[in-house]
């Protein structure tokens, strides 16, 4: 094989490898599952009974926890979410990481470090996270856990 042909083949293979890697990090076009699995949801109310959020929905003040799952190139992953609500507004958020490999640990860590800036001080009804600190897949698990928390807090 001539050097110019060999170089062209190498560049083509490298380009395909790069495209495959980037596609593996892109968010899935499949919508998130809407089935309820409340086995990972728990509550620990810490205040008075129900209050009204800005959208008119009723949520009890307190701290709520739930796990959400999402699919990464390494398989199904889980992320734990703990939200504190006051008058339907998020006052605190904590993420519990459940990494199954080093890449998941990296992305869940970045997500955990940036999520508070996007959700604290906002109405729970307004939340729908898409990408946090470069982590787009972890947000799917966060949103799933958020749906469980909303149902539990009503």
Foldseek 3Di string as FASTA:
>chain_A
DDPVVVVVVVVVVVVVVVVVVVVLQDDDPDDADPDDDLPFKDFDQDDDQWAAAPVGDIFGFGKIKGKFWFQHPVGIAIKIKIFGDDRQATADIAIDGDDPDDVSVVLSVQQRVFVCVVGHGDGLVPDQDQDGRRHGGVSSGVVSGSVSNSVVGD
